[in-house]
């Protein structure tokens, strides 16, 4: 079910070819749904390439986890190894039957140096992830719950968690809890926000799935953003507090 994803444009053929190169000596592994590929404390010594299925990556905090990536065929993960970290600092979970390759980091780096096109795609991929992480961090500070939820729905509609429904609608296979983990709010808050969208006939809910037209959700998101921009423009800047300058005493001789 999860292998039928909405078509994406972020597959990089040179990098995919590199991950498929037999000289890497990668270990191919078949996993059942719910299997932990790695935990936050596990040593980061390998990269991972997805041949089939879906993998979800979470950052792990003291009290809760945050869903940061939904990955599918031809995607790779394990960026902590590239950064030289001693441990992953995140957890990766298989969703449905999954086939991945575990790639030794040292062999990958050695082979990457011989393939400049793949190296260029790797740099671009890392830059895109960094940019996305920075944008998400700022949105957690400045966006309200509804705006963050709409952004998450649009983003995940282009992920392997989405499959085509009728017309331009998609079915997003995700739970309320996972959405809450993605946008940093309580599950109950997400459930109320989804009910509001359902009452507006913008979304249908089912068991662990949501059906909606991403274009309608994106249009609503644009309206939210325009309102926020207009409200910010109408708010006068706070007056600066008066500055009191104390006279400078002459030095005593």
Foldseek 3Di string as FASTA:
>chain_A
DLQAADDDDLQDVVQLVLQVDCQQVWDKDKDAFFDWPFAQAAFLFWKKAWQAAWKWKWQDDPPDIATDDIAGHRDMDSCCNVVVDGGSNIIMGTHHITMMITGGPVSSVVVCVVRVSSVVSVVVVVVVSVVVVVVLVVCLVPPDPLLLLLVVVLVQSNHSQWHDDPDQKIKGQADLCNSCSHNVHDSVVSVVSVVVCVVVVQWDDDDRIIIGRNVVSVVVSVVVVVVVVVVVVPDDDDDDDDDDDDDDDDDDD
